[in-house]
Amino acid sequence: MRVALHTRVRPDRVTAYEDAHRAVPEELTRAIRAAGATSWTIWRSGTDLFHVLECEDYTRLLAALEHLPVNVAWQARMAELLDVVHDYGADGAAAGLPVVWEL
């Protein structure tokens, strides 16, 4: 399945956000893949971030990552950088953007 998300980086933290994503912990990327993700791309327009990820089951992916220490640490780090944070809790799977049109 393909999931699109929208988050927003704090205006004064754009550089720190991009720097963090140049050094995503290998343990986290392994965990994301093990949870079923096959790709995850993030685009930035100003402070708006648009994510597209492909995975087997998004709800299962979130559940697998939610309490994983490396992800908990990463989410805490992202919470310092983001104005709009993705929810990894029970309602996180509902955070995906609805499809309006597809070719």
C-alpha atoms as a PDB file:
ATOM      1  CA  MET A   1       0.000   0.000   0.000  1.00  0.00           C
ATOM      2  CA  ARG A   2       1.058   3.607  -0.533  1.00  0.00           C
ATOM      3  CA  VAL A   3       0.566   6.228   2.209  1.00  0.00           C
ATOM      4  CA  ALA A   4       1.008  10.012   1.966  1.00  0.00           C
ATOM      5  CA  LEU A   5       1.583  12.131   5.069  1.00  0.00           C
ATOM      6  CA  HIS A   6       1.938  15.838   5.764  1.00  0.00           C
ATOM      7  CA  THR A   7       4.024  17.232   8.600  1.00  0.00           C
ATOM      8  CA  ARG A   8       5.584  20.648   9.139  1.00  0.00           C
ATOM      9  CA  VAL A   9       9.081  21.568  10.310  1.00  0.00           C
ATOM     10  CA  ARG A  10       9.566  24.577  12.573  1.00  0.00           C
ATOM     11  CA  PRO A  11      10.868  27.499  10.494  1.00  0.00           C
ATOM     12  CA  ASP A  12      13.974  27.894  12.654  1.00  0.00           C
ATOM     13  CA  ARG A  13      14.751  24.145  12.561  1.00  0.00           C
ATOM     14  CA  VAL A  14      14.801  23.386   8.810  1.00  0.00           C
ATOM     15  CA  THR A  15      18.582  22.939   8.678  1.00  0.00           C
ATOM     16  CA  ALA A  16      18.586  20.722  11.785  1.00  0.00           C
ATOM     17  CA  TYR A  17      15.769  18.622  10.287  1.00  0.00           C
ATOM     18  CA  GLU A  18      17.635  18.115   7.028  1.00  0.00           C
ATOM     19  CA  ASP A  19      20.881  17.382   8.909  1.00  0.00           C
ATOM     20  CA  ALA A  20      19.089  14.751  11.009  1.00  0.00           C
ATOM     21  CA  HIS A  21      17.813  13.035   7.876  1.00  0.00           C
ATOM     22  CA  ARG A  22      21.296  12.838   6.415  1.00  0.00           C
ATOM     23  CA  ALA A  23      22.168  10.600   9.371  1.00  0.00           C
ATOM     24  CA  VAL A  24      19.098   8.471  10.125  1.00  0.00           C
ATOM     25  CA  PRO A  25      20.300   5.653  12.405  1.00  0.00           C
ATOM     26  CA  GLU A  26      20.882   2.405  10.517  1.00  0.00           C
ATOM     27  CA  GLU A  27      19.080   0.554  13.312  1.00  0.00           C
ATOM     28  CA  LEU A  28      15.977   2.663  12.599  1.00  0.00           C
ATOM     29  CA  THR A  29      16.054   2.138   8.829  1.00  0.00           C
ATOM     30  CA  ARG A  30      16.443  -1.621   9.407  1.00  0.00           C
ATOM     31  CA  ALA A  31      13.471  -1.555  11.784  1.00  0.00           C
ATOM     32  CA  ILE A  32      11.330   0.385   9.308  1.00  0.00           C
ATOM     33  CA  ARG A  33      12.132  -2.146   6.571  1.00  0.00           C
ATOM     34  CA  ALA A  34      11.536  -5.078   8.944  1.00  0.00           C
ATOM     35  CA  ALA A  35       8.134  -3.572   9.791  1.00  0.00           C
ATOM     36  CA  GLY A  36       7.199  -3.830   6.108  1.00  0.00           C
ATOM     37  CA  ALA A  37       8.195  -0.522   4.469  1.00  0.00           C
ATOM     38  CA  THR A  38       9.741  -0.839   1.021  1.00  0.00           C
ATOM     39  CA  SER A  39      10.289   2.891   0.431  1.00  0.00           C
ATOM     40  CA  TRP A  40       9.835   6.227   2.207  1.00  0.00           C
ATOM     41  CA  THR A  41      10.489   9.585   0.558  1.00  0.00           C
ATOM     42  CA  ILE A  42      10.104  13.033   2.134  1.00  0.00           C
ATOM     43  CA  TRP A  43       9.820  16.246   0.105  1.00  0.00           C
ATOM     44  CA  ARG A  44      10.034  19.748   1.582  1.00  0.00           C
ATOM     45  CA  SER A  45       8.333  22.902   0.320  1.00  0.00           C
ATOM     46  CA  GLY A  46       9.224  25.728   2.698  1.00  0.00           C
ATOM     47  CA  THR A  47       8.278  24.295   6.069  1.00  0.00           C
ATOM     48  CA  ASP A  48       5.776  21.761   4.715  1.00  0.00           C
ATOM     49  CA  LEU A  49       6.938  18.159   4.541  1.00  0.00           C
ATOM     50  CA  PHE A  50       5.236  15.597   2.325  1.00  0.00           C
ATOM     51  CA  HIS A  51       5.976  11.921   2.882  1.00  0.00           C
ATOM     52  CA  VAL A  52       5.126   9.018   0.594  1.00  0.00           C
ATOM     53  CA  LEU A  53       5.807   5.549   1.862  1.00  0.00           C
ATOM     54  CA  GLU A  54       5.080   2.128   0.509  1.00  0.00           C
ATOM     55  CA  CYS A  55       4.518  -0.717   2.903  1.00  0.00           C
ATOM     56  CA  GLU A  56       2.646  -3.956   3.339  1.00  0.00           C
ATOM     57  CA  ASP A  57       0.324  -2.705   6.106  1.00  0.00           C
ATOM     58  CA  TYR A  58       0.638   0.812   7.537  1.00  0.00           C
ATOM     59  CA  THR A  59      -1.210   0.077  10.776  1.00  0.00           C
ATOM     60  CA  ARG A  60       1.053  -2.913  11.409  1.00  0.00           C
ATOM     61  CA  LEU A  61       4.148  -0.830  10.561  1.00  0.00           C
ATOM     62  CA  LEU A  62       3.178   1.814  13.125  1.00  0.00           C
ATOM     63  CA  ALA A  63       2.478  -0.819  15.764  1.00  0.00           C
ATOM     64  CA  ALA A  64       5.852  -2.476  15.156  1.00  0.00           C
ATOM     65  CA  LEU A  65       7.707   0.828  15.550  1.00  0.00           C
ATOM     66  CA  GLU A  66       5.669   2.545  18.266  1.00  0.00           C
ATOM     67  CA  HIS A  67       7.570   1.252  21.325  1.00  0.00           C
ATOM     68  CA  LEU A  68      10.881   0.385  19.670  1.00  0.00           C
ATOM     69  CA  PRO A  69      13.583   2.330  21.597  1.00  0.00           C
ATOM     70  CA  VAL A  70      15.379   3.599  18.470  1.00  0.00           C
ATOM     71  CA  ASN A  71      12.081   4.905  17.072  1.00  0.00           C
ATOM     72  CA  VAL A  72      11.016   6.416  20.403  1.00  0.00           C
ATOM     73  CA  ALA A  73      14.332   8.309  20.509  1.00  0.00           C
ATOM     74  CA  TRP A  74      13.951   9.402  16.872  1.00  0.00           C
ATOM     75  CA  GLN A  75      10.381  10.615  17.441  1.00  0.00           C
ATOM     76  CA  ALA A  76      11.523  12.600  20.490  1.00  0.00           C
ATOM     77  CA  ARG A  77      14.212  14.210  18.339  1.00  0.00           C
ATOM     78  CA  MET A  78      11.689  14.988  15.580  1.00  0.00           C
ATOM     79  CA  ALA A  79       9.244  16.463  18.115  1.00  0.00           C
ATOM     80  CA  GLU A  80      11.884  19.133  18.830  1.00  0.00           C
ATOM     81  CA  LEU A  81      12.044  20.016  15.126  1.00  0.00           C
ATOM     82  CA  LEU A  82       8.444  19.757  13.952  1.00  0.00           C
ATOM     83  CA  ASP A  83       5.352  21.933  14.365  1.00  0.00           C
ATOM     84  CA  VAL A  84       3.080  19.176  13.032  1.00  0.00           C
ATOM     85  CA  VAL A  85       4.165  15.745  14.243  1.00  0.00           C
ATOM     86  CA  HIS A  86       2.988  12.403  12.886  1.00  0.00           C
ATOM     87  CA  ASP A  87       1.029  10.420  15.463  1.00  0.00           C
ATOM     88  CA  TYR A  88       2.378   6.909  16.101  1.00  0.00           C
ATOM     89  CA  GLY A  89      -0.453   6.055  18.488  1.00  0.00           C
ATOM     90  CA  ALA A  90      -3.692   4.209  17.790  1.00  0.00           C
ATOM     91  CA  ASP A  91      -4.959   6.965  15.456  1.00  0.00           C
ATOM     92  CA  GLY A  92      -1.684   7.316  13.547  1.00  0.00           C
ATOM     93  CA  ALA A  93      -2.864   5.173  10.664  1.00  0.00           C
ATOM     94  CA  ALA A  94      -5.711   7.638  10.090  1.00  0.00           C
ATOM     95  CA  ALA A  95      -3.199  10.468   9.584  1.00  0.00           C
ATOM     96  CA  GLY A  96      -2.613   9.570   5.938  1.00  0.00           C
ATOM     97  CA  LEU A  97      -3.712  12.077   3.313  1.00  0.00           C
ATOM     98  CA  PRO A  98      -6.765  11.024   1.300  1.00  0.00           C
ATOM     99  CA  VAL A  99      -6.268  10.357  -2.405  1.00  0.00           C
ATOM    100  CA  VAL A 100      -7.958  13.024  -4.537  1.00  0.00           C
ATOM    101  CA  TRP A 101      -6.804  11.941  -7.993  1.00  0.00           C
ATOM    102  CA  GLU A 102      -4.529   9.328  -9.495  1.00  0.00           C
ATOM    103  CA  LEU A 103      -3.302   8.717 -13.076  1.00  0.00           C
END
